[in-house]
Structure formats: C-alpha cells, structure tokens
Amino acid sequence: MCLKYAEVEKSLGEIDHARGVHVFASQFSDPRSDVDFRNKWHEFEVQHGNEDTFREMLRIKRSVSASYSQTHFILPKYMMQKDQRLNID
C-alpha cells in the first residue's frame, strides 16, 4: 500500500512526500522477507535523490535491519521460505 501511495506522490511531482512515505514504510518492512520494497526505494533514490538522501536511505536500511535482527521472534512466512529453500537443496 505504501509503495502505491509513494507512486501517486511521485506522479504528482511530490518527491519529498514520496521519500517520506518510503522512510515511514521502512519501519514496517522486514528486510528478510520484503526485498521488493527495498529495491524500489533504492531505484527511487537513484532516480530522484542526491548523495545526502542516498546516504540517509542506507543509514535507515541499516538501522531497520539491525532492529529486526535483534527481535526474538521469527515470522512464519520467513520460516516457510527457509523450509522451502532447504527442501530444494
């Protein structure tokens, strides 16, 4: 939903608003299971950002990844993906 909203803001020319949506949504995006969100945010910053906004994106990504790695729960979706990979090998 946040990616769609960011696209609407971008299409309206509101690049700063779209960036804010990406920053907000990153808090809720598990880096282990939501790679698509990370890739789209990266593409957005490459197209519309500058060196400072790109560095800020990388800082936020590291921070969110660290917070998810410190949690003691494992999401069922992540476990299912891990099991499927093990069955393939």
PDB file of N, CA and C in Angstrom:
ATOM      1  N   MET A   1       0.822  -1.186   0.000  1.00  0.00           N
ATOM      2  CA  MET A   1       0.000   0.000   0.000  1.00  0.00           C
ATOM      3  C   MET A   1       0.872   1.258   0.000  1.00  0.00           C
ATOM      4  N   CYS A   2       1.924   1.222   0.796  1.00  0.00           N
ATOM      5  CA  CYS A   2       2.806   2.385   0.864  1.00  0.00           C
ATOM      6  C   CYS A   2       3.520   2.630  -0.459  1.00  0.00           C
ATOM      7  N   LEU A   3       3.879   1.548  -1.149  1.00  0.00           N
ATOM      8  CA  LEU A   3       4.532   1.728  -2.449  1.00  0.00           C
ATOM      9  C   LEU A   3       3.591   2.389  -3.447  1.00  0.00           C
ATOM     10  N   LYS A   4       2.326   2.014  -3.411  1.00  0.00           N
ATOM     11  CA  LYS A   4       1.348   2.638  -4.304  1.00  0.00           C
ATOM     12  C   LYS A   4       1.181   4.116  -3.971  1.00  0.00           C
ATOM     13  N   TYR A   5       1.124   4.427  -2.680  1.00  0.00           N
ATOM     14  CA  TYR A   5       0.979   5.816  -2.261  1.00  0.00           C
ATOM     15  C   TYR A   5       2.211   6.634  -2.665  1.00  0.00           C
ATOM     16  N   ALA A   6       3.386   6.042  -2.517  1.00  0.00           N
ATOM     17  CA  ALA A   6       4.611   6.737  -2.921  1.00  0.00           C
ATOM     18  C   ALA A   6       4.605   6.991  -4.435  1.00  0.00           C
ATOM     19  N   GLU A   7       4.092   6.041  -5.208  1.00  0.00           N
ATOM     20  CA  GLU A   7       3.995   6.230  -6.659  1.00  0.00           C
ATOM     21  C   GLU A   7       3.044   7.377  -7.007  1.00  0.00           C
ATOM     22  N   VAL A   8       1.927   7.476  -6.279  1.00  0.00           N
ATOM     23  CA  VAL A   8       0.982   8.569  -6.518  1.00  0.00           C
ATOM     24  C   VAL A   8       1.654   9.904  -6.233  1.00  0.00           C
ATOM     25  N   GLU A   9       2.340   9.991  -5.102  1.00  0.00           N
ATOM     26  CA  GLU A   9       3.038  11.233  -4.757  1.00  0.00           C
ATOM     27  C   GLU A   9       4.094  11.573  -5.804  1.00  0.00           C
ATOM     28  N   LYS A  10       4.814  10.559  -6.263  1.00  0.00           N
ATOM     29  CA  LYS A  10       5.846  10.794  -7.279  1.00  0.00           C
ATOM     30  C   LYS A  10       5.226  11.280  -8.577  1.00  0.00           C
ATOM     31  N   SER A  11       4.090  10.691  -8.962  1.00  0.00           N
ATOM     32  CA  SER A  11       3.445  11.101 -10.205  1.00  0.00           C
ATOM     33  C   SER A  11       2.900  12.522 -10.119  1.00  0.00           C
ATOM     34  N   LEU A  12       2.607  12.971  -8.914  1.00  0.00           N
ATOM     35  CA  LEU A  12       2.145  14.348  -8.717  1.00  0.00           C
ATOM     36  C   LEU A  12       3.308  15.337  -8.599  1.00  0.00           C
ATOM     37  N   GLY A  13       4.519  14.822  -8.643  1.00  0.00           N
ATOM     38  CA  GLY A  13       5.692  15.682  -8.548  1.00  0.00           C
ATOM     39  C   GLY A  13       6.115  15.969  -7.120  1.00  0.00           C
ATOM     40  N   GLU A  14       5.527  15.297  -6.163  1.00  0.00           N
ATOM     41  CA  GLU A  14       5.844  15.500  -4.745  1.00  0.00           C
ATOM     42  C   GLU A  14       6.909  14.502  -4.312  1.00  0.00           C
ATOM     43  N   ILE A  15       8.130  14.739  -4.744  1.00  0.00           N
ATOM     44  CA  ILE A  15       9.236  13.814  -4.497  1.00  0.00           C
ATOM     45  C   ILE A  15       9.545  13.712  -3.003  1.00  0.00           C
ATOM     46  N   ASP A  16       9.517  14.841  -2.294  1.00  0.00           N
ATOM     47  CA  ASP A  16       9.796  14.809  -0.859  1.00  0.00           C
ATOM     48  C   ASP A  16       8.735  14.029  -0.098  1.00  0.00           C
ATOM     49  N   HIS A  17       7.481  14.143  -0.502  1.00  0.00           N
ATOM     50  CA  HIS A  17       6.414  13.366   0.140  1.00  0.00           C
ATOM     51  C   HIS A  17       6.593  11.879  -0.134  1.00  0.00           C
ATOM     52  N   ALA A  18       6.938  11.540  -1.367  1.00  0.00           N
ATOM     53  CA  ALA A  18       7.172  10.136  -1.716  1.00  0.00           C
ATOM     54  C   ALA A  18       8.337   9.573  -0.911  1.00  0.00           C
ATOM     55  N   ARG A  19       9.370  10.376  -0.732  1.00  0.00           N
ATOM     56  CA  ARG A  19      10.518   9.941   0.074  1.00  0.00           C
ATOM     57  C   ARG A  19      10.085   9.715   1.527  1.00  0.00           C
ATOM     58  N   GLY A  20       9.257  10.597   2.040  1.00  0.00           N
ATOM     59  CA  GLY A  20       8.751  10.438   3.400  1.00  0.00           C
ATOM     60  C   GLY A  20       7.935   9.171   3.578  1.00  0.00           C
ATOM     61  N   VAL A  21       7.175   8.815   2.563  1.00  0.00           N
ATOM     62  CA  VAL A  21       6.391   7.571   2.615  1.00  0.00           C
ATOM     63  C   VAL A  21       7.336   6.375   2.659  1.00  0.00           C
ATOM     64  N   HIS A  22       8.389   6.405   1.867  1.00  0.00           N
ATOM     65  CA  HIS A  22       9.361   5.313   1.882  1.00  0.00           C
ATOM     66  C   HIS A  22      10.022   5.200   3.253  1.00  0.00           C
ATOM     67  N   VAL A  23      10.405   6.323   3.835  1.00  0.00           N
ATOM     68  CA  VAL A  23      11.042   6.306   5.152  1.00  0.00           C
ATOM     69  C   VAL A  23      10.078   5.736   6.190  1.00  0.00           C
ATOM     70  N   PHE A  24       8.834   6.186   6.164  1.00  0.00           N
ATOM     71  CA  PHE A  24       7.835   5.700   7.118  1.00  0.00           C
ATOM     72  C   PHE A  24       7.598   4.198   6.943  1.00  0.00           C
ATOM     73  N   ALA A  25       7.440   3.756   5.704  1.00  0.00           N
ATOM     74  CA  ALA A  25       7.131   2.352   5.437  1.00  0.00           C
ATOM     75  C   ALA A  25       8.302   1.437   5.783  1.00  0.00           C
ATOM     76  N   SER A  26       9.514   1.963   5.744  1.00  0.00           N
ATOM     77  CA  SER A  26      10.676   1.121   6.024  1.00  0.00           C
ATOM     78  C   SER A  26      10.655   0.569   7.447  1.00  0.00           C
ATOM     79  N   GLN A  27       9.979   1.251   8.363  1.00  0.00           N
ATOM     80  CA  GLN A  27       9.893   0.777   9.742  1.00  0.00           C
ATOM     81  C   GLN A  27       9.122  -0.531   9.841  1.00  0.00           C
ATOM     82  N   PHE A  28       8.208  -0.754   8.913  1.00  0.00           N
ATOM     83  CA  PHE A  28       7.325  -1.909   8.966  1.00  0.00           C
ATOM     84  C   PHE A  28       7.708  -2.995   7.971  1.00  0.00           C
ATOM     85  N   SER A  29       8.754  -2.765   7.233  1.00  0.00           N
ATOM     86  CA  SER A  29       9.176  -3.691   6.184  1.00  0.00           C
ATOM     87  C   SER A  29      10.305  -4.573   6.703  1.00  0.00           C
ATOM     88  N   ASP A  30      10.023  -5.852   6.857  1.00  0.00           N
ATOM     89  CA  ASP A  30      11.037  -6.796   7.318  1.00  0.00           C
ATOM     90  C   ASP A  30      12.052  -7.021   6.196  1.00  0.00           C
ATOM     91  N   PRO A  31      13.311  -6.682   6.427  1.00  0.00           N
ATOM     92  CA  PRO A  31      14.318  -6.815   5.366  1.00  0.00           C
ATOM     93  C   PRO A  31      14.524  -8.255   4.900  1.00  0.00           C
ATOM     94  N   ARG A  32      14.188  -9.216   5.739  1.00  0.00           N
ATOM     95  CA  ARG A  32      14.379 -10.615   5.371  1.00  0.00           C
ATOM     96  C   ARG A  32      13.333 -11.094   4.373  1.00  0.00           C
ATOM     97  N   SER A  33      12.151 -10.488   4.402  1.00  0.00           N
ATOM     98  CA  SER A  33      11.089 -11.012   3.554  1.00  0.00           C
ATOM     99  C   SER A  33      10.555 -10.022   2.520  1.00  0.00           C
ATOM    100  N   ASP A  34      10.871  -8.748   2.663  1.00  0.00           N
ATOM    101  CA  ASP A  34      10.317  -7.741   1.748  1.00  0.00           C
ATOM    102  C   ASP A  34      11.421  -7.064   0.941  1.00  0.00           C
ATOM    103  N   VAL A  35      12.069  -7.830   0.104  1.00  0.00           N
ATOM    104  CA  VAL A  35      13.180  -7.329  -0.708  1.00  0.00           C
ATOM    105  C   VAL A  35      12.682  -6.375  -1.785  1.00  0.00           C
ATOM    106  N   ASP A  36      11.471  -6.605  -2.284  1.00  0.00           N
ATOM    107  CA  ASP A  36      10.912  -5.764  -3.343  1.00  0.00           C
ATOM    108  C   ASP A  36      10.802  -4.307  -2.890  1.00  0.00           C
ATOM    109  N   PHE A  37      10.359  -4.095  -1.662  1.00  0.00           N
ATOM    110  CA  PHE A  37      10.257  -2.730  -1.137  1.00  0.00           C
ATOM    111  C   PHE A  37      11.614  -2.060  -1.126  1.00  0.00           C
ATOM    112  N   ARG A  38      12.626  -2.757  -0.669  1.00  0.00           N
ATOM    113  CA  ARG A  38      13.979  -2.191  -0.597  1.00  0.00           C
ATOM    114  C   ARG A  38      14.504  -1.836  -1.985  1.00  0.00           C
ATOM    115  N   ASN A  39      14.260  -2.705  -2.942  1.00  0.00           N
ATOM    116  CA  ASN A  39      14.732  -2.446  -4.305  1.00  0.00           C
ATOM    117  C   ASN A  39      14.043  -1.230  -4.925  1.00  0.00           C
ATOM    118  N   LYS A  40      12.742  -1.106  -4.702  1.00  0.00           N
ATOM    119  CA  LYS A  40      12.017   0.039  -5.264  1.00  0.00           C
ATOM    120  C   LYS A  40      12.461   1.344  -4.616  1.00  0.00           C
ATOM    121  N   TRP A  41      12.726   1.314  -3.315  1.00  0.00           N
ATOM    122  CA  TRP A  41      13.214   2.516  -2.634  1.00  0.00           C
ATOM    123  C   TRP A  41      14.589   2.883  -3.175  1.00  0.00           C
ATOM    124  N   HIS A  42      15.436   1.894  -3.392  1.00  0.00           N
ATOM    125  CA  HIS A  42      16.768   2.138  -3.946  1.00  0.00           C
ATOM    126  C   HIS A  42      16.660   2.786  -5.327  1.00  0.00           C
ATOM    127  N   GLU A  43      15.799   2.230  -6.193  1.00  0.00           N
ATOM    128  CA  GLU A  43      15.601   2.795  -7.530  1.00  0.00           C
ATOM    129  C   GLU A  43      15.081   4.227  -7.453  1.00  0.00           C
ATOM    130  N   PHE A  44      14.168   4.484  -6.521  1.00  0.00           N
ATOM    131  CA  PHE A  44      13.616   5.824  -6.342  1.00  0.00           C
ATOM    132  C   PHE A  44      14.727   6.817  -6.002  1.00  0.00           C
ATOM    133  N   GLU A  45      15.594   6.451  -5.067  1.00  0.00           N
ATOM    134  CA  GLU A  45      16.671   7.363  -4.663  1.00  0.00           C
ATOM    135  C   GLU A  45      17.695   7.561  -5.771  1.00  0.00           C
ATOM    136  N   VAL A  46      17.936   6.534  -6.553  1.00  0.00           N
ATOM    137  CA  VAL A  46      18.866   6.682  -7.678  1.00  0.00           C
ATOM    138  C   VAL A  46      18.307   7.671  -8.690  1.00  0.00           C
ATOM    139  N   GLN A  47      16.989   7.596  -8.940  1.00  0.00           N
ATOM    140  CA  GLN A  47      16.371   8.475  -9.929  1.00  0.00           C
ATOM    141  C   GLN A  47      16.182   9.899  -9.422  1.00  0.00           C
ATOM    142  N   HIS A  48      15.761  10.048  -8.164  1.00  0.00           N
ATOM    143  CA  HIS A  48      15.315  11.357  -7.688  1.00  0.00           C
ATOM    144  C   HIS A  48      16.144  11.938  -6.550  1.00  0.00           C
ATOM    145  N   GLY A  49      17.065  11.189  -6.029  1.00  0.00           N
ATOM    146  CA  GLY A  49      17.796  11.654  -4.857  1.00  0.00           C
ATOM    147  C   GLY A  49      19.128  12.273  -5.194  1.00  0.00           C
ATOM    148  N   ASN A  50      19.810  12.644  -4.148  1.00  0.00           N
ATOM    149  CA  ASN A  50      21.180  13.132  -4.280  1.00  0.00           C
ATOM    150  C   ASN A  50      22.041  12.316  -3.309  1.00  0.00           C
ATOM    151  N   GLU A  51      23.274  12.695  -3.161  1.00  0.00           N
ATOM    152  CA  GLU A  51      24.186  11.919  -2.316  1.00  0.00           C
ATOM    153  C   GLU A  51      23.708  11.867  -0.871  1.00  0.00           C
ATOM    154  N   ASP A  52      23.183  12.962  -0.362  1.00  0.00           N
ATOM    155  CA  ASP A  52      22.728  13.001   1.030  1.00  0.00           C
ATOM    156  C   ASP A  52      21.505  12.115   1.263  1.00  0.00           C
ATOM    157  N   THR A  53      20.540  12.175   0.352  1.00  0.00           N
ATOM    158  CA  THR A  53      19.336  11.360   0.541  1.00  0.00           C
ATOM    159  C   THR A  53      19.653   9.876   0.357  1.00  0.00           C
ATOM    160  N   PHE A  54      20.613   9.569  -0.528  1.00  0.00           N
ATOM    161  CA  PHE A  54      21.002   8.175  -0.720  1.00  0.00           C
ATOM    162  C   PHE A  54      21.691   7.639   0.535  1.00  0.00           C
ATOM    163  N   ARG A  55      22.568   8.443   1.126  1.00  0.00           N
ATOM    164  CA  ARG A  55      23.218   8.033   2.371  1.00  0.00           C
ATOM    165  C   ARG A  55      22.208   7.854   3.499  1.00  0.00           C
ATOM    166  N   GLU A  56      21.236   8.742   3.562  1.00  0.00           N
ATOM    167  CA  GLU A  56      20.193   8.630   4.581  1.00  0.00           C
ATOM    168  C   GLU A  56      19.401   7.338   4.394  1.00  0.00           C
ATOM    169  N   MET A  57      19.097   6.979   3.151  1.00  0.00           N
ATOM    170  CA  MET A  57      18.394   5.725   2.871  1.00  0.00           C
ATOM    171  C   MET A  57      19.227   4.541   3.367  1.00  0.00           C
ATOM    172  N   LEU A  58      20.512   4.541   3.081  1.00  0.00           N
ATOM    173  CA  LEU A  58      21.372   3.442   3.526  1.00  0.00           C
ATOM    174  C   LEU A  58      21.439   3.374   5.051  1.00  0.00           C
ATOM    175  N   ARG A  59      21.477   4.534   5.704  1.00  0.00           N
ATOM    176  CA  ARG A  59      21.514   4.566   7.163  1.00  0.00           C
ATOM    177  C   ARG A  59      20.233   3.979   7.750  1.00  0.00           C
ATOM    178  N   ILE A  60      19.101   4.367   7.173  1.00  0.00           N
ATOM    179  CA  ILE A  60      17.816   3.857   7.649  1.00  0.00           C
ATOM    180  C   ILE A  60      17.717   2.356   7.411  1.00  0.00           C
ATOM    181  N   LYS A  61      18.167   1.894   6.268  1.00  0.00           N
ATOM    182  CA  LYS A  61      18.144   0.458   5.976  1.00  0.00           C
ATOM    183  C   LYS A  61      18.970  -0.316   7.000  1.00  0.00           C
ATOM    184  N   ARG A  62      20.159   0.192   7.320  1.00  0.00           N
ATOM    185  CA  ARG A  62      20.994  -0.485   8.316  1.00  0.00           C
ATOM    186  C   ARG A  62      20.322  -0.494   9.683  1.00  0.00           C
ATOM    187  N   SER A  63      19.727   0.619  10.040  1.00  0.00           N
ATOM    188  CA  SER A  63      19.056   0.730  11.336  1.00  0.00           C
ATOM    189  C   SER A  63      17.880  -0.230  11.446  1.00  0.00           C
ATOM    190  N   VAL A  64      17.058  -0.282  10.418  1.00  0.00           N
ATOM    191  CA  VAL A  64      15.897  -1.180  10.431  1.00  0.00           C
ATOM    192  C   VAL A  64      16.349  -2.631  10.417  1.00  0.00           C
ATOM    193  N   SER A  65      17.374  -2.950   9.632  1.00  0.00           N
ATOM    194  CA  SER A  65      17.897  -4.315   9.599  1.00  0.00           C
ATOM    195  C   SER A  65      18.416  -4.730  10.970  1.00  0.00           C
ATOM    196  N   ALA A  66      19.102  -3.810  11.645  1.00  0.00           N
ATOM    197  CA  ALA A  66      19.608  -4.115  12.987  1.00  0.00           C
ATOM    198  C   ALA A  66      18.466  -4.334  13.973  1.00  0.00           C
ATOM    199  N   SER A  67      17.420  -3.537  13.868  1.00  0.00           N
ATOM    200  CA  SER A  67      16.304  -3.699  14.806  1.00  0.00           C
ATOM    201  C   SER A  67      15.563  -5.010  14.565  1.00  0.00           C
ATOM    202  N   TYR A  68      15.438  -5.431  13.303  1.00  0.00           N
ATOM    203  CA  TYR A  68      14.781  -6.702  13.007  1.00  0.00           C
ATOM    204  C   TYR A  68      15.676  -7.887  13.396  1.00  0.00           C
ATOM    205  N   SER A  69      16.983  -7.723  13.328  1.00  0.00           N
ATOM    206  CA  SER A  69      17.867  -8.829  13.694  1.00  0.00           C
ATOM    207  C   SER A  69      17.915  -9.016  15.203  1.00  0.00           C
ATOM    208  N   GLN A  70      17.549  -7.998  15.972  1.00  0.00           N
ATOM    209  CA  GLN A  70      17.566  -8.094  17.430  1.00  0.00           C
ATOM    210  C   GLN A  70      16.262  -8.635  17.999  1.00  0.00           C
ATOM    211  N   THR A  71      15.252  -8.771  17.162  1.00  0.00           N
ATOM    212  CA  THR A  71      13.985  -9.304  17.658  1.00  0.00           C
ATOM    213  C   THR A  71      14.116 -10.800  17.875  1.00  0.00           C
ATOM    214  N   HIS A  72      13.362 -11.303  18.806  1.00  0.00           N
ATOM    215  CA  HIS A  72      13.468 -12.704  19.175  1.00  0.00           C
ATOM    216  C   HIS A  72      12.372 -13.555  18.558  1.00  0.00           C
ATOM    217  N   PHE A  73      11.611 -12.974  17.679  1.00  0.00           N
ATOM    218  CA  PHE A  73      10.583 -13.746  17.005  1.00  0.00           C
ATOM    219  C   PHE A  73      10.977 -13.943  15.550  1.00  0.00           C
ATOM    220  N   ILE A  74      10.497 -15.024  14.989  1.00  0.00           N
ATOM    221  CA  ILE A  74      10.730 -15.302  13.577  1.00  0.00           C
ATOM    222  C   ILE A  74       9.366 -15.407  12.923  1.00  0.00           C
ATOM    223  N   LEU A  75       9.173 -14.648  11.892  1.00  0.00           N
ATOM    224  CA  LEU A  75       7.887 -14.638  11.222  1.00  0.00           C
ATOM    225  C   LEU A  75       7.614 -15.967  10.529  1.00  0.00           C
ATOM    226  N   PRO A  76       6.383 -16.450  10.605  1.00  0.00           N
ATOM    227  CA  PRO A  76       6.050 -17.723   9.948  1.00  0.00           C
ATOM    228  C   PRO A  76       6.352 -17.716   8.453  1.00  0.00           C
ATOM    229  N   LYS A  77       6.116 -16.589   7.784  1.00  0.00           N
ATOM    230  CA  LYS A  77       6.385 -16.505   6.350  1.00  0.00           C
ATOM    231  C   LYS A  77       7.868 -16.740   6.074  1.00  0.00           C
ATOM    232  N   TYR A  78       8.723 -16.145   6.901  1.00  0.00           N
ATOM    233  CA  TYR A  78      10.165 -16.313   6.734  1.00  0.00           C
ATOM    234  C   TYR A  78      10.561 -17.767   6.964  1.00  0.00           C
ATOM    235  N   MET A  79       9.975 -18.392   7.964  1.00  0.00           N
ATOM    236  CA  MET A  79      10.286 -19.792   8.243  1.00  0.00           C
ATOM    237  C   MET A  79       9.854 -20.687   7.091  1.00  0.00           C
ATOM    238  N   MET A  80       8.702 -20.404   6.509  1.00  0.00           N
ATOM    239  CA  MET A  80       8.225 -21.200   5.382  1.00  0.00           C
ATOM    240  C   MET A  80       9.167 -21.065   4.193  1.00  0.00           C
ATOM    241  N   GLN A  81       9.640 -19.855   3.929  1.00  0.00           N
ATOM    242  CA  GLN A  81      10.578 -19.644   2.827  1.00  0.00           C
ATOM    243  C   GLN A  81      11.869 -20.399   3.083  1.00  0.00           C
ATOM    244  N   LYS A  82      12.327 -20.367   4.325  1.00  0.00           N
ATOM    245  CA  LYS A  82      13.550 -21.061   4.685  1.00  0.00           C
ATOM    246  C   LYS A  82      13.381 -22.576   4.507  1.00  0.00           C
ATOM    247  N   ASP A  83      12.221 -23.120   4.936  1.00  0.00           N
ATOM    248  CA  ASP A  83      11.952 -24.540   4.768  1.00  0.00           C
ATOM    249  C   ASP A  83      11.903 -24.927   3.297  1.00  0.00           C
ATOM    250  N   GLN A  84      11.320 -24.083   2.471  1.00  0.00           N
ATOM    251  CA  GLN A  84      11.222 -24.374   1.042  1.00  0.00           C
ATOM    252  C   GLN A  84      12.607 -24.401   0.411  1.00  0.00           C
ATOM    253  N   ARG A  85      13.472 -23.501   0.836  1.00  0.00           N
ATOM    254  CA  ARG A  85      14.845 -23.492   0.306  1.00  0.00           C
ATOM    255  C   ARG A  85      15.591 -24.760   0.722  1.00  0.00           C
ATOM    256  N   LEU A  86      15.360 -25.209   1.937  1.00  0.00           N
ATOM    257  CA  LEU A  86      16.019 -26.419   2.403  1.00  0.00           C
ATOM    258  C   LEU A  86      15.539 -27.644   1.631  1.00  0.00           C
ATOM    259  N   ASN A  87      14.257 -27.670   1.288  1.00  0.00           N
ATOM    260  CA  ASN A  87      13.715 -28.799   0.540  1.00  0.00           C
ATOM    261  C   ASN A  87      14.228 -28.842  -0.890  1.00  0.00           C
ATOM    262  N   ILE A  88      14.554 -27.693  -1.447  1.00  0.00           N
ATOM    263  CA  ILE A  88      15.054 -27.627  -2.813  1.00  0.00           C
ATOM    264  C   ILE A  88      16.478 -28.176  -2.872  1.00  0.00           C
ATOM    265  N   ASP A  89      17.274 -27.862  -1.843  1.00  0.00           N
ATOM    266  CA  ASP A  89      18.691 -28.305  -1.831  1.00  0.00           C
ATOM    267  C   ASP A  89      18.788 -29.748  -1.651  1.00  0.00           C
TER     268      ASP A  89
END
